[in-house]
Structures are given as C-alpha cells and as structure tokens.
Amino acid sequence: MTIDNKDLLNSILTSLDRISHISPDDIPNIDLYMDQVTTFMDSRLRSAARNPGEDKILTKTMINNYAKNDLLPPPVKKKYSKEHVLLLIFIYYYKGILSISDIQTLLKPVTEKFFQSDRDFDLEDIYLEVFSMEEKQIQALKEDVVRKFRVAQGTFQEAPEEDADFLRRFAFICTLSFDVYVKKLMIEKMIDDLSRRQSASSEGRADEKKKNHKSEKNNPDGE
C-alpha cells in the first residue's frame, strides 16, 4: 500500500466522521418563510456537499416541486413549520438515490399519519428514532470501507506497474458502486411492495365507500 493510497483511505474515513444529522433542537420552533428555510438548510448541510461553493442544497424551485408532487404538505400562509423542515431533510437524503415517485410512496404514510397530528408519537419522534442509528451505521460503514479498500489493493497484481494504482482505485470504486447498486435494488423492491399495499388499501376503502353508498341508497330511511 503506497502513501498515496493511505492518504486516500484516511481522507475517506475522515469525511465519514464529518457526517452528522440536523438535530430537531437546532430547527427553529417558529414557522419560517421559504427564504428562511433554504438559508437554514444551506447552513446545516453545506459542509457535506460535493462542491460546497457551488452545489445548491435547497432552492425555492425545489420546494415548490416537492409540494407540487405531494412530497411536502403545503405551507400555511406561506410559512413552513418545524415538521416541514424535518420532511425536507428526509427528501434531501432520498433524492440522490430515489425517484420523486418512490419518495412520494415512501413518505405518504408518514405525512398522512404523523404530520401535525394529535398523536403522542409524531413526526419528530420518527426522525429521532431513524437518525439515532446514524452513529452505529457510520462506524459499521467505515469498517466495511476499510475491508473493501484492502480487497481492492490486492487486485491487478499482474497489471503494468504504471497502471496498477489507477486500476486498484478503479476496483475500489467498482466494489463501492456495486454495493450502492444492490442496496438501491433492495430499497426499490420494498417501495414497490409498499406501493402495492397502498393501492390495495385505497381500493378497499373505495369499495367499502361504494358499498355503504349503495346500502344508503337502497335504505333511505335507514331501515
């Protein structure tokens, strides 16, 4: 393993250490206008962007598109609540790997049941539960990255010396990409199953509504 490759691995592991989620306590408890939402998201997620000086974390157009595609409930008097921000954080992480349609399927049950509900268990509780797994997941991910890196370093032993370093990095990228590909397939499969369940539930409610309407029509006096 060359010094350059050690530096590469250390750089990757250091970048993983910088990953952190936004704590609900850091989100203002007052409703925010769109400009305030985009400013807040930018200030909290900018450091994790690929090109911090160029990449847009969240724009007005993005927020409008999310609302248009039913990913985000509409604001109240042009203001967004703390729960809106929590949903936007979920969307931010999903959008890199999932389609708008898949995100909609995934978030629909969450927004319908837990967004600004009167339940004791709400959207913030869901957010906290999910992101509480982050620290353990990052540690496991670092260990997996190290394993994959070491395997990649053992490849291309017969390659020309001047090409070996690039080819081993190529192998490392390929094995990481395959891991992402397989996990994406698994996520999509689960979302497809969720979509089928949602469709079946909607059809069941529609059939029940028709049945009740027909019964009322046949028995107008409730007899």
C-alpha atoms as a PDB file:
ATOM      1  CA  MET A   1       0.000   0.000   0.000  1.00  0.00           C
ATOM      2  CA  THR A   2       1.526   3.278  -1.076  1.00  0.00           C
ATOM      3  CA  ILE A   3       1.490   6.521   0.891  1.00  0.00           C
ATOM      4  CA  ASP A   4      -0.952   7.968  -1.660  1.00  0.00           C
ATOM      5  CA  ASN A   5      -3.398   5.150  -1.062  1.00  0.00           C
ATOM      6  CA  LYS A   6      -3.117   5.515   2.707  1.00  0.00           C
ATOM      7  CA  ASP A   7      -3.921   9.186   2.299  1.00  0.00           C
ATOM      8  CA  LEU A   8      -6.911   8.299   0.123  1.00  0.00           C
ATOM      9  CA  LEU A   9      -8.324   5.901   2.697  1.00  0.00           C
ATOM     10  CA  ASN A  10      -7.719   8.302   5.583  1.00  0.00           C
ATOM     11  CA  SER A  11      -9.394  11.098   3.642  1.00  0.00           C
ATOM     12  CA  ILE A  12     -12.470   8.937   3.044  1.00  0.00           C
ATOM     13  CA  LEU A  13     -12.708   7.868   6.680  1.00  0.00           C
ATOM     14  CA  THR A  14     -12.279  11.467   7.841  1.00  0.00           C
ATOM     15  CA  SER A  15     -15.090  12.603   5.559  1.00  0.00           C
ATOM     16  CA  LEU A  16     -17.349   9.939   7.079  1.00  0.00           C
ATOM     17  CA  ASP A  17     -16.582  11.309  10.539  1.00  0.00           C
ATOM     18  CA  ARG A  18     -17.903  14.687   9.416  1.00  0.00           C
ATOM     19  CA  ILE A  19     -21.318  13.289   8.570  1.00  0.00           C
ATOM     20  CA  SER A  20     -23.930  14.402  11.081  1.00  0.00           C
ATOM     21  CA  HIS A  21     -27.658  14.931  11.015  1.00  0.00           C
ATOM     22  CA  ILE A  22     -29.574  18.044  11.927  1.00  0.00           C
ATOM     23  CA  SER A  23     -30.884  17.834  15.460  1.00  0.00           C
ATOM     24  CA  PRO A  24     -34.570  18.761  15.867  1.00  0.00           C
ATOM     25  CA  ASP A  25     -33.429  21.074  18.681  1.00  0.00           C
ATOM     26  CA  ASP A  26     -31.500  23.106  16.098  1.00  0.00           C
ATOM     27  CA  ILE A  27     -34.604  23.705  13.997  1.00  0.00           C
ATOM     28  CA  PRO A  28     -36.451  26.896  14.950  1.00  0.00           C
ATOM     29  CA  ASN A  29     -39.741  26.312  16.742  1.00  0.00           C
ATOM     30  CA  ILE A  30     -41.310  29.182  14.849  1.00  0.00           C
ATOM     31  CA  ASP A  31     -42.739  28.898  11.344  1.00  0.00           C
ATOM     32  CA  LEU A  32     -40.385  30.043   8.607  1.00  0.00           C
ATOM     33  CA  TYR A  33     -40.772  31.716   5.239  1.00  0.00           C
ATOM     34  CA  MET A  34     -39.282  29.916   2.255  1.00  0.00           C
ATOM     35  CA  ASP A  35     -36.128  32.076   2.192  1.00  0.00           C
ATOM     36  CA  GLN A  36     -35.523  31.264   5.843  1.00  0.00           C
ATOM     37  CA  VAL A  37     -35.963  27.539   5.180  1.00  0.00           C
ATOM     38  CA  THR A  38     -33.456  27.495   2.315  1.00  0.00           C
ATOM     39  CA  THR A  39     -30.964  29.540   4.372  1.00  0.00           C
ATOM     40  CA  PHE A  40     -31.290  27.188   7.334  1.00  0.00           C
ATOM     41  CA  MET A  41     -30.844  24.048   5.225  1.00  0.00           C
ATOM     42  CA  ASP A  42     -27.862  25.550   3.435  1.00  0.00           C
ATOM     43  CA  SER A  43     -26.154  26.484   6.695  1.00  0.00           C
ATOM     44  CA  ARG A  44     -26.588  22.990   8.140  1.00  0.00           C
ATOM     45  CA  LEU A  45     -25.857  20.784   5.116  1.00  0.00           C
ATOM     46  CA  ARG A  46     -23.419  22.851   3.062  1.00  0.00           C
ATOM     47  CA  SER A  47     -20.312  21.159   4.502  1.00  0.00           C
ATOM     48  CA  ALA A  48     -21.448  17.746   3.229  1.00  0.00           C
ATOM     49  CA  ALA A  49     -21.969  18.922  -0.355  1.00  0.00           C
ATOM     50  CA  ARG A  50     -19.631  17.634  -3.064  1.00  0.00           C
ATOM     51  CA  ASN A  51     -18.847  21.191  -4.152  1.00  0.00           C
ATOM     52  CA  PRO A  52     -19.693  23.374  -1.128  1.00  0.00           C
ATOM     53  CA  GLY A  53     -19.165  26.590  -3.039  1.00  0.00           C
ATOM     54  CA  GLU A  54     -21.378  25.616  -5.970  1.00  0.00           C
ATOM     55  CA  ASP A  55     -23.960  22.948  -5.118  1.00  0.00           C
ATOM     56  CA  LYS A  56     -27.439  24.083  -4.178  1.00  0.00           C
ATOM     57  CA  ILE A  57     -28.693  22.351  -1.044  1.00  0.00           C
ATOM     58  CA  LEU A  58     -32.265  23.554  -1.423  1.00  0.00           C
ATOM     59  CA  THR A  59     -33.896  26.155  -3.650  1.00  0.00           C
ATOM     60  CA  LYS A  60     -37.328  27.729  -3.898  1.00  0.00           C
ATOM     61  CA  THR A  61     -37.919  25.792  -7.111  1.00  0.00           C
ATOM     62  CA  MET A  62     -37.107  22.515  -5.371  1.00  0.00           C
ATOM     63  CA  ILE A  63     -39.535  23.236  -2.533  1.00  0.00           C
ATOM     64  CA  ASN A  64     -42.287  24.181  -4.981  1.00  0.00           C
ATOM     65  CA  ASN A  65     -41.687  20.988  -6.962  1.00  0.00           C
ATOM     66  CA  TYR A  66     -41.837  18.888  -3.794  1.00  0.00           C
ATOM     67  CA  ALA A  67     -45.175  20.450  -2.888  1.00  0.00           C
ATOM     68  CA  LYS A  68     -46.435  20.041  -6.469  1.00  0.00           C
ATOM     69  CA  ASN A  69     -45.551  16.332  -6.394  1.00  0.00           C
ATOM     70  CA  ASP A  70     -47.201  15.801  -2.982  1.00  0.00           C
ATOM     71  CA  LEU A  71     -43.919  15.160  -1.210  1.00  0.00           C
ATOM     72  CA  LEU A  72     -44.435  18.115   1.085  1.00  0.00           C
ATOM     73  CA  PRO A  73     -47.696  19.390   2.601  1.00  0.00           C
ATOM     74  CA  PRO A  74     -48.480  22.978   1.585  1.00  0.00           C
ATOM     75  CA  PRO A  75     -47.314  25.802   3.842  1.00  0.00           C
ATOM     76  CA  VAL A  76     -49.741  27.733   5.992  1.00  0.00           C
ATOM     77  CA  LYS A  77     -49.880  31.392   4.978  1.00  0.00           C
ATOM     78  CA  LYS A  78     -46.582  30.891   3.104  1.00  0.00           C
ATOM     79  CA  LYS A  79     -44.857  29.667   6.268  1.00  0.00           C
ATOM     80  CA  TYR A  80     -43.244  26.294   6.909  1.00  0.00           C
ATOM     81  CA  SER A  81     -43.335  24.516  10.244  1.00  0.00           C
ATOM     82  CA  LYS A  82     -40.645  22.538  12.008  1.00  0.00           C
ATOM     83  CA  GLU A  83     -42.236  19.373  10.647  1.00  0.00           C
ATOM     84  CA  HIS A  84     -41.940  20.721   7.109  1.00  0.00           C
ATOM     85  CA  VAL A  85     -38.209  21.089   7.701  1.00  0.00           C
ATOM     86  CA  LEU A  86     -37.951  17.523   9.017  1.00  0.00           C
ATOM     87  CA  LEU A  87     -39.613  16.226   5.850  1.00  0.00           C
ATOM     88  CA  LEU A  88     -37.277  18.337   3.713  1.00  0.00           C
ATOM     89  CA  ILE A  89     -34.295  16.722   5.433  1.00  0.00           C
ATOM     90  CA  PHE A  90     -35.627  13.255   4.602  1.00  0.00           C
ATOM     91  CA  ILE A  91     -36.196  14.339   0.991  1.00  0.00           C
ATOM     92  CA  TYR A  92     -32.675  15.779   0.798  1.00  0.00           C
ATOM     93  CA  TYR A  93     -31.146  12.405   1.641  1.00  0.00           C
ATOM     94  CA  TYR A  94     -33.538  10.387  -0.531  1.00  0.00           C
ATOM     95  CA  LYS A  95     -33.307  12.444  -3.717  1.00  0.00           C
ATOM     96  CA  GLY A  96     -29.781  11.263  -4.535  1.00  0.00           C
ATOM     97  CA  ILE A  97     -30.884   7.656  -4.936  1.00  0.00           C
ATOM     98  CA  LEU A  98     -34.667   7.569  -5.362  1.00  0.00           C
ATOM     99  CA  SER A  99     -37.121   8.911  -7.916  1.00  0.00           C
ATOM    100  CA  ILE A 100     -39.736  11.502  -6.999  1.00  0.00           C
ATOM    101  CA  SER A 101     -42.388   8.806  -7.326  1.00  0.00           C
ATOM    102  CA  ASP A 102     -40.562   6.476  -4.934  1.00  0.00           C
ATOM    103  CA  ILE A 103     -40.054   9.243  -2.372  1.00  0.00           C
ATOM    104  CA  GLN A 104     -43.736  10.077  -2.605  1.00  0.00           C
ATOM    105  CA  THR A 105     -44.679   6.438  -1.954  1.00  0.00           C
ATOM    106  CA  LEU A 106     -42.305   6.242   0.993  1.00  0.00           C
ATOM    107  CA  LEU A 107     -43.313   9.486   2.678  1.00  0.00           C
ATOM    108  CA  LYS A 108     -47.064   9.362   2.018  1.00  0.00           C
ATOM    109  CA  PRO A 109     -47.924   7.153   5.043  1.00  0.00           C
ATOM    110  CA  VAL A 110     -45.662   9.279   7.237  1.00  0.00           C
ATOM    111  CA  THR A 111     -47.243  12.589   6.267  1.00  0.00           C
ATOM    112  CA  GLU A 112     -50.795  11.230   6.362  1.00  0.00           C
ATOM    113  CA  LYS A 113     -50.475   9.740   9.845  1.00  0.00           C
ATOM    114  CA  PHE A 114     -47.864  11.788  11.649  1.00  0.00           C
ATOM    115  CA  PHE A 115     -47.567  15.255  10.091  1.00  0.00           C
ATOM    116  CA  GLN A 116     -49.058  17.799  12.516  1.00  0.00           C
ATOM    117  CA  SER A 117     -51.167  15.094  14.114  1.00  0.00           C
ATOM    118  CA  ASP A 118     -52.642  14.977  17.602  1.00  0.00           C
ATOM    119  CA  ARG A 119     -50.865  11.712  18.367  1.00  0.00           C
ATOM    120  CA  ASP A 120     -48.395  11.413  21.216  1.00  0.00           C
ATOM    121  CA  PHE A 121     -45.998   9.832  18.706  1.00  0.00           C
ATOM    122  CA  ASP A 122     -45.323  12.355  15.944  1.00  0.00           C
ATOM    123  CA  LEU A 123     -43.018  13.128  13.033  1.00  0.00           C
ATOM    124  CA  GLU A 124     -40.236  14.383  15.297  1.00  0.00           C
ATOM    125  CA  ASP A 125     -40.264  11.080  17.174  1.00  0.00           C
ATOM    126  CA  ILE A 126     -39.864   9.222  13.867  1.00  0.00           C
ATOM    127  CA  TYR A 127     -36.998  11.492  12.844  1.00  0.00           C
ATOM    128  CA  LEU A 128     -35.190  10.991  16.152  1.00  0.00           C
ATOM    129  CA  GLU A 129     -35.639   7.217  16.021  1.00  0.00           C
ATOM    130  CA  VAL A 130     -34.262   6.945  12.489  1.00  0.00           C
ATOM    131  CA  PHE A 131     -31.257   9.185  12.992  1.00  0.00           C
ATOM    132  CA  SER A 132     -30.389   7.626  16.340  1.00  0.00           C
ATOM    133  CA  MET A 133     -28.992   4.748  14.278  1.00  0.00           C
ATOM    134  CA  GLU A 134     -26.578   7.049  12.485  1.00  0.00           C
ATOM    135  CA  GLU A 135     -23.534   6.731  14.768  1.00  0.00           C
ATOM    136  CA  LYS A 136     -23.559   2.920  14.728  1.00  0.00           C
ATOM    137  CA  GLN A 137     -24.160   2.875  10.982  1.00  0.00           C
ATOM    138  CA  ILE A 138     -21.236   5.198  10.299  1.00  0.00           C
ATOM    139  CA  GLN A 139     -18.882   3.025  12.341  1.00  0.00           C
ATOM    140  CA  ALA A 140     -20.056  -0.106  10.526  1.00  0.00           C
ATOM    141  CA  LEU A 141     -19.713   1.700   7.203  1.00  0.00           C
ATOM    142  CA  LYS A 142     -16.135   2.739   7.995  1.00  0.00           C
ATOM    143  CA  GLU A 143     -15.210  -0.857   8.785  1.00  0.00           C
ATOM    144  CA  ASP A 144     -16.812  -2.022   5.537  1.00  0.00           C
ATOM    145  CA  VAL A 145     -14.991   0.653   3.524  1.00  0.00           C
ATOM    146  CA  VAL A 146     -11.656  -0.443   5.011  1.00  0.00           C
ATOM    147  CA  ARG A 147     -12.387  -4.085   4.088  1.00  0.00           C
ATOM    148  CA  LYS A 148     -13.316  -3.189   0.525  1.00  0.00           C
ATOM    149  CA  PHE A 149     -10.260  -0.943   0.193  1.00  0.00           C
ATOM    150  CA  ARG A 150      -7.924  -3.730   1.295  1.00  0.00           C
ATOM    151  CA  VAL A 151      -9.509  -6.184  -1.133  1.00  0.00           C
ATOM    152  CA  ALA A 152      -9.113  -3.664  -3.959  1.00  0.00           C
ATOM    153  CA  GLN A 153      -5.452  -3.172  -3.039  1.00  0.00           C
ATOM    154  CA  GLY A 154      -4.890  -6.864  -3.638  1.00  0.00           C
ATOM    155  CA  THR A 155      -6.174  -6.763  -7.204  1.00  0.00           C
ATOM    156  CA  PHE A 156      -4.343  -6.302 -10.516  1.00  0.00           C
ATOM    157  CA  GLN A 157      -1.130  -7.892  -9.321  1.00  0.00           C
ATOM    158  CA  GLU A 158      -0.149  -8.657 -12.922  1.00  0.00           C
ATOM    159  CA  ALA A 159      -1.032  -5.211 -14.297  1.00  0.00           C
ATOM    160  CA  PRO A 160       1.726  -2.899 -15.651  1.00  0.00           C
ATOM    161  CA  GLU A 161       3.247  -1.024 -12.723  1.00  0.00           C
ATOM    162  CA  GLU A 162       2.398   2.381 -14.159  1.00  0.00           C
ATOM    163  CA  ASP A 163      -1.308   1.402 -14.359  1.00  0.00           C
ATOM    164  CA  ALA A 164      -1.694  -0.621 -11.167  1.00  0.00           C
ATOM    165  CA  ASP A 165      -2.521   2.288  -8.844  1.00  0.00           C
ATOM    166  CA  PHE A 166      -5.313   3.599 -11.079  1.00  0.00           C
ATOM    167  CA  LEU A 167      -6.736   0.113 -11.664  1.00  0.00           C
ATOM    168  CA  ARG A 168      -6.846  -0.612  -7.933  1.00  0.00           C
ATOM    169  CA  ARG A 169      -8.670   2.632  -7.294  1.00  0.00           C
ATOM    170  CA  PHE A 170     -10.983   1.707 -10.162  1.00  0.00           C
ATOM    171  CA  ALA A 171     -11.623  -1.660  -8.481  1.00  0.00           C
ATOM    172  CA  PHE A 172     -12.341   0.108  -5.189  1.00  0.00           C
ATOM    173  CA  ILE A 173     -14.859   2.423  -6.859  1.00  0.00           C
ATOM    174  CA  CYS A 174     -16.468  -0.550  -8.622  1.00  0.00           C
ATOM    175  CA  THR A 175     -16.988  -2.526  -5.430  1.00  0.00           C
ATOM    176  CA  LEU A 176     -18.458   0.520  -3.658  1.00  0.00           C
ATOM    177  CA  SER A 177     -20.702   1.164  -6.665  1.00  0.00           C
ATOM    178  CA  PHE A 178     -21.914  -2.429  -6.706  1.00  0.00           C
ATOM    179  CA  ASP A 179     -22.803  -2.141  -3.029  1.00  0.00           C
ATOM    180  CA  VAL A 180     -24.845   1.001  -3.730  1.00  0.00           C
ATOM    181  CA  TYR A 181     -26.488  -0.665  -6.752  1.00  0.00           C
ATOM    182  CA  VAL A 182     -27.585  -3.733  -4.796  1.00  0.00           C
ATOM    183  CA  LYS A 183     -28.909  -1.685  -1.867  1.00  0.00           C
ATOM    184  CA  LYS A 184     -30.796   0.573  -4.273  1.00  0.00           C
ATOM    185  CA  LEU A 185     -32.445  -2.502  -5.802  1.00  0.00           C
ATOM    186  CA  MET A 186     -33.484  -3.693  -2.343  1.00  0.00           C
ATOM    187  CA  ILE A 187     -34.908  -0.286  -1.433  1.00  0.00           C
ATOM    188  CA  GLU A 188     -36.859  -0.105  -4.694  1.00  0.00           C
ATOM    189  CA  LYS A 189     -38.253  -3.602  -4.131  1.00  0.00           C
ATOM    190  CA  MET A 190     -39.511  -2.623  -0.669  1.00  0.00           C
ATOM    191  CA  ILE A 191     -41.012   0.606  -2.019  1.00  0.00           C
ATOM    192  CA  ASP A 192     -42.774  -1.328  -4.801  1.00  0.00           C
ATOM    193  CA  ASP A 193     -44.281  -3.609  -2.154  1.00  0.00           C
ATOM    194  CA  LEU A 194     -45.338  -0.570  -0.135  1.00  0.00           C
ATOM    195  CA  SER A 195     -46.938   0.919  -3.252  1.00  0.00           C
ATOM    196  CA  ARG A 196     -48.934  -2.269  -3.864  1.00  0.00           C
ATOM    197  CA  ARG A 197     -50.124  -2.272  -0.267  1.00  0.00           C
ATOM    198  CA  GLN A 198     -51.180   1.367  -0.540  1.00  0.00           C
ATOM    199  CA  SER A 199     -53.073   0.678  -3.764  1.00  0.00           C
ATOM    200  CA  ALA A 200     -54.837  -2.322  -2.255  1.00  0.00           C
ATOM    201  CA  SER A 201     -55.787  -0.295   0.805  1.00  0.00           C
ATOM    202  CA  SER A 202     -57.136   2.550  -1.343  1.00  0.00           C
ATOM    203  CA  GLU A 203     -59.162   0.144  -3.458  1.00  0.00           C
ATOM    204  CA  GLY A 204     -60.540  -1.475  -0.317  1.00  0.00           C
ATOM    205  CA  ARG A 205     -61.662   1.880   1.055  1.00  0.00           C
ATOM    206  CA  ALA A 206     -63.224   2.794  -2.299  1.00  0.00           C
ATOM    207  CA  ASP A 207     -65.134  -0.486  -2.435  1.00  0.00           C
ATOM    208  CA  GLU A 208     -66.342  -0.013   1.129  1.00  0.00           C
ATOM    209  CA  LYS A 209     -67.484   3.525   0.316  1.00  0.00           C
ATOM    210  CA  LYS A 210     -69.420   2.300  -2.725  1.00  0.00           C
ATOM    211  CA  LYS A 211     -70.976  -0.476  -0.667  1.00  0.00           C
ATOM    212  CA  ASN A 212     -72.088   1.954   2.024  1.00  0.00           C
ATOM    213  CA  HIS A 213     -73.429   4.390  -0.584  1.00  0.00           C
ATOM    214  CA  LYS A 214     -75.394   1.625  -2.275  1.00  0.00           C
ATOM    215  CA  SER A 215     -76.777   0.481   1.082  1.00  0.00           C
ATOM    216  CA  GLU A 216     -77.884   4.027   1.954  1.00  0.00           C
ATOM    217  CA  LYS A 217     -79.488   4.409  -1.448  1.00  0.00           C
ATOM    218  CA  ASN A 218     -81.439   1.177  -1.066  1.00  0.00           C
ATOM    219  CA  ASN A 219     -82.423   2.026   2.511  1.00  0.00           C
ATOM    220  CA  PRO A 220     -83.029   5.800   2.559  1.00  0.00           C
ATOM    221  CA  ASP A 221     -84.835   5.612   5.892  1.00  0.00           C
ATOM    222  CA  GLY A 222     -82.044   3.580   7.491  1.00  0.00           C
ATOM    223  CA  GLU A 223     -84.253   0.533   7.839  1.00  0.00           C
END
